[in-house]
Amino acid sequence: MKINFSRHARRRIKLYSIDEGDVRNIIETMLLDIGADVGKYEKINYSLSEKYGYPLKVVFLVEGKDIIVITAYPLKREKNR
């Protein structure tokens, strides 16, 4: 599968200094866990909280063999306990 980044996603990644490799790893890990059906997905990764200060949220779309990252940004709220 090929992972493409939308213009919006590239701008958010640059704005928040997010590593593109982290976004790719989040997507690949999620797809291994749940499979790769066509549709829109959101993933909040709490393990990167220390690196970015907040959990990292990634929204992406699966279309056939392509994955399009719609946006990625640090989620400005903490995990509910």
N, C-alpha and C. Protein backbone atom coordinates (compact mmCIF):
# COMPACT_ATOMS: atom_id res chain seq x y z
N MET A 1 0.83 -1.18 0.00
CA MET A 1 0.00 0.00 0.00
C MET A 1 0.88 1.25 0.00
N LYS A 2 0.44 2.23 -0.73
CA LYS A 2 1.18 3.48 -0.83
C LYS A 2 0.50 4.52 0.05
N ILE A 3 1.29 5.23 0.85
CA ILE A 3 0.76 6.26 1.73
C ILE A 3 1.06 7.63 1.13
N ASN A 4 0.01 8.38 0.82
CA ASN A 4 0.13 9.74 0.28
C ASN A 4 -0.36 10.72 1.34
N PHE A 5 0.22 11.91 1.33
CA PHE A 5 -0.17 12.95 2.28
C PHE A 5 -0.87 14.07 1.53
N SER A 6 -2.04 14.48 2.02
CA SER A 6 -2.74 15.61 1.42
C SER A 6 -1.96 16.89 1.71
N ARG A 7 -2.28 17.93 0.98
CA ARG A 7 -1.63 19.22 1.20
C ARG A 7 -1.86 19.71 2.63
N HIS A 8 -3.08 19.54 3.10
CA HIS A 8 -3.43 19.93 4.47
C HIS A 8 -2.57 19.16 5.49
N ALA A 9 -2.43 17.84 5.28
CA ALA A 9 -1.65 17.02 6.20
C ALA A 9 -0.19 17.46 6.21
N ARG A 10 0.37 17.71 5.04
CA ARG A 10 1.77 18.15 4.97
C ARG A 10 1.98 19.47 5.73
N ARG A 11 1.01 20.37 5.61
CA ARG A 11 1.12 21.65 6.32
C ARG A 11 1.03 21.46 7.83
N ARG A 12 0.13 20.60 8.30
CA ARG A 12 0.01 20.33 9.74
C ARG A 12 1.27 19.66 10.27
N ILE A 13 1.82 18.72 9.51
CA ILE A 13 3.03 18.02 9.93
C ILE A 13 4.18 19.01 10.07
N LYS A 14 4.29 19.93 9.14
CA LYS A 14 5.35 20.94 9.20
C LYS A 14 5.09 21.92 10.35
N LEU A 15 3.84 22.36 10.51
CA LEU A 15 3.49 23.33 11.54
C LEU A 15 3.80 22.81 12.94
N TYR A 16 3.46 21.55 13.21
CA TYR A 16 3.63 20.97 14.54
C TYR A 16 4.92 20.16 14.66
N SER A 17 5.79 20.19 13.66
CA SER A 17 7.07 19.47 13.67
C SER A 17 6.89 17.99 13.98
N ILE A 18 5.96 17.37 13.28
CA ILE A 18 5.68 15.95 13.45
C ILE A 18 6.54 15.17 12.46
N ASP A 19 7.11 14.07 12.91
CA ASP A 19 7.91 13.22 12.05
C ASP A 19 6.99 12.40 11.15
N GLU A 20 7.22 12.47 9.85
CA GLU A 20 6.40 11.73 8.89
C GLU A 20 6.47 10.22 9.14
N GLY A 21 7.60 9.75 9.61
CA GLY A 21 7.77 8.33 9.94
C GLY A 21 6.85 7.89 11.06
N ASP A 22 6.63 8.78 12.04
CA ASP A 22 5.71 8.45 13.14
C ASP A 22 4.29 8.27 12.61
N VAL A 23 3.88 9.13 11.69
CA VAL A 23 2.54 9.04 11.10
C VAL A 23 2.42 7.73 10.32
N ARG A 24 3.43 7.40 9.54
CA ARG A 24 3.41 6.14 8.77
C ARG A 24 3.33 4.93 9.70
N ASN A 25 4.09 4.95 10.80
CA ASN A 25 4.07 3.83 11.75
C ASN A 25 2.71 3.67 12.41
N ILE A 26 2.07 4.78 12.75
CA ILE A 26 0.73 4.73 13.36
C ILE A 26 -0.26 4.07 12.41
N ILE A 27 -0.22 4.48 11.14
CA ILE A 27 -1.14 3.94 10.14
C ILE A 27 -0.87 2.46 9.90
N GLU A 28 0.40 2.10 9.70
CA GLU A 28 0.74 0.71 9.42
C GLU A 28 0.37 -0.21 10.58
N THR A 29 0.62 0.24 11.80
CA THR A 29 0.27 -0.56 12.98
C THR A 29 -1.24 -0.77 13.07
N MET A 30 -2.00 0.29 12.83
CA MET A 30 -3.46 0.18 12.90
C MET A 30 -3.99 -0.76 11.83
N LEU A 31 -3.47 -0.66 10.62
CA LEU A 31 -3.95 -1.51 9.54
C LEU A 31 -3.60 -2.97 9.76
N LEU A 32 -2.47 -3.24 10.40
CA LEU A 32 -2.13 -4.62 10.74
C LEU A 32 -3.10 -5.19 11.77
N ASP A 33 -3.54 -4.34 12.70
CA ASP A 33 -4.45 -4.78 13.75
C ASP A 33 -5.87 -5.02 13.25
N ILE A 34 -6.39 -4.11 12.41
CA ILE A 34 -7.81 -4.20 12.03
C ILE A 34 -8.06 -4.60 10.59
N GLY A 35 -7.03 -4.62 9.77
CA GLY A 35 -7.24 -4.90 8.35
C GLY A 35 -7.34 -3.60 7.57
N ALA A 36 -7.55 -3.71 6.27
CA ALA A 36 -7.51 -2.52 5.41
C ALA A 36 -8.77 -2.40 4.56
N ASP A 37 -9.91 -2.27 5.19
CA ASP A 37 -11.14 -2.04 4.43
C ASP A 37 -11.18 -0.60 3.93
N VAL A 38 -11.94 -0.38 2.87
CA VAL A 38 -12.10 0.96 2.33
C VAL A 38 -12.88 1.80 3.33
N GLY A 39 -12.42 3.03 3.55
CA GLY A 39 -13.13 3.92 4.46
C GLY A 39 -12.22 4.92 5.12
N LYS A 40 -12.82 5.73 6.00
CA LYS A 40 -12.10 6.78 6.71
C LYS A 40 -11.83 6.32 8.14
N TYR A 41 -10.62 6.55 8.62
CA TYR A 41 -10.22 6.10 9.95
C TYR A 41 -9.58 7.24 10.72
N GLU A 42 -9.74 7.18 12.04
CA GLU A 42 -9.07 8.10 12.95
C GLU A 42 -8.32 7.27 13.97
N LYS A 43 -7.12 7.71 14.31
CA LYS A 43 -6.33 7.00 15.32
C LYS A 43 -5.68 8.02 16.23
N ILE A 44 -5.84 7.84 17.52
CA ILE A 44 -5.16 8.69 18.51
C ILE A 44 -4.10 7.83 19.17
N ASN A 45 -2.85 8.28 19.08
CA ASN A 45 -1.72 7.53 19.62
C ASN A 45 -1.22 8.21 20.88
N TYR A 46 -1.42 7.55 22.03
CA TYR A 46 -1.01 8.11 23.31
C TYR A 46 0.45 7.84 23.63
N SER A 47 1.07 6.88 22.94
CA SER A 47 2.46 6.54 23.25
C SER A 47 3.44 7.62 22.82
N LEU A 48 3.04 8.51 21.93
CA LEU A 48 3.92 9.59 21.48
C LEU A 48 3.68 10.90 22.24
N SER A 49 2.93 10.83 23.34
CA SER A 49 2.60 12.03 24.12
C SER A 49 3.84 12.75 24.63
N GLU A 50 4.83 12.00 25.06
CA GLU A 50 6.03 12.63 25.60
C GLU A 50 6.83 13.34 24.52
N LYS A 51 6.83 12.79 23.32
CA LYS A 51 7.60 13.38 22.22
C LYS A 51 6.99 14.69 21.74
N TYR A 52 5.65 14.75 21.63
CA TYR A 52 4.98 15.92 21.08
C TYR A 52 4.23 16.76 22.12
N GLY A 53 4.21 16.31 23.36
CA GLY A 53 3.53 17.06 24.41
C GLY A 53 2.07 16.69 24.58
N TYR A 54 1.47 16.16 23.54
CA TYR A 54 0.08 15.73 23.55
C TYR A 54 -0.04 14.44 22.73
N PRO A 55 -1.15 13.72 22.88
CA PRO A 55 -1.37 12.55 22.00
C PRO A 55 -1.44 13.00 20.55
N LEU A 56 -1.02 12.15 19.64
CA LEU A 56 -1.01 12.48 18.22
C LEU A 56 -2.24 11.87 17.55
N LYS A 57 -3.02 12.69 16.85
CA LYS A 57 -4.21 12.22 16.14
C LYS A 57 -3.94 12.20 14.64
N VAL A 58 -4.27 11.09 14.00
CA VAL A 58 -4.07 10.92 12.57
C VAL A 58 -5.41 10.51 11.95
N VAL A 59 -5.83 11.22 10.90
CA VAL A 59 -7.04 10.89 10.16
C VAL A 59 -6.62 10.53 8.75
N PHE A 60 -7.06 9.35 8.29
CA PHE A 60 -6.66 8.92 6.96
C PHE A 60 -7.78 8.17 6.27
N LEU A 61 -7.66 8.06 4.95
CA LEU A 61 -8.67 7.46 4.09
C LEU A 61 -8.03 6.31 3.32
N VAL A 62 -8.69 5.15 3.31
CA VAL A 62 -8.20 4.01 2.54
C VAL A 62 -9.07 3.88 1.30
N GLU A 63 -8.43 3.95 0.14
CA GLU A 63 -9.12 3.82 -1.15
C GLU A 63 -8.38 2.78 -1.98
N GLY A 64 -8.89 1.57 -2.01
CA GLY A 64 -8.23 0.51 -2.76
C GLY A 64 -6.87 0.21 -2.17
N LYS A 65 -5.81 0.39 -2.98
CA LYS A 65 -4.46 0.13 -2.49
C LYS A 65 -3.75 1.40 -2.04
N ASP A 66 -4.45 2.51 -2.03
CA ASP A 66 -3.86 3.78 -1.63
C ASP A 66 -4.39 4.22 -0.27
N ILE A 67 -3.52 4.87 0.49
CA ILE A 67 -3.89 5.48 1.76
C ILE A 67 -3.59 6.96 1.65
N ILE A 68 -4.57 7.79 1.96
CA ILE A 68 -4.40 9.24 1.90
C ILE A 68 -4.53 9.78 3.33
N VAL A 69 -3.46 10.40 3.81
CA VAL A 69 -3.49 11.02 5.13
C VAL A 69 -4.18 12.37 4.98
N ILE A 70 -5.29 12.53 5.69
CA ILE A 70 -6.07 13.76 5.60
C ILE A 70 -5.49 14.83 6.52
N THR A 71 -5.17 14.44 7.76
CA THR A 71 -4.57 15.38 8.70
C THR A 71 -3.85 14.62 9.80
N ALA A 72 -2.94 15.30 10.46
CA ALA A 72 -2.22 14.77 11.61
C ALA A 72 -1.85 15.95 12.50
N TYR A 73 -2.16 15.84 13.78
CA TYR A 73 -1.88 16.96 14.69
C TYR A 73 -1.87 16.47 16.13
N PRO A 74 -1.20 17.22 17.03
CA PRO A 74 -1.25 16.88 18.45
C PRO A 74 -2.63 17.24 19.00
N LEU A 75 -3.25 16.30 19.64
CA LEU A 75 -4.58 16.50 20.22
C LEU A 75 -4.43 17.31 21.49
N LYS A 76 -5.09 18.43 21.58
CA LYS A 76 -4.87 19.37 22.68
C LYS A 76 -5.65 19.02 23.94
N ARG A 77 -5.89 17.76 24.17
CA ARG A 77 -6.52 17.36 25.43
C ARG A 77 -5.85 16.08 25.90
N GLU A 78 -5.82 15.93 27.20
CA GLU A 78 -5.19 14.77 27.80
C GLU A 78 -6.14 13.58 27.77
N LYS A 79 -5.59 12.41 27.99
CA LYS A 79 -6.38 11.18 28.05
C LYS A 79 -7.24 11.20 29.31
N ASN A 80 -8.53 10.90 29.16
CA ASN A 80 -9.43 10.82 30.31
C ASN A 80 -9.06 9.63 31.16
N ARG A 81 -9.02 9.85 32.45
CA ARG A 81 -8.64 8.75 33.35
C ARG A 81 -9.79 8.32 34.20
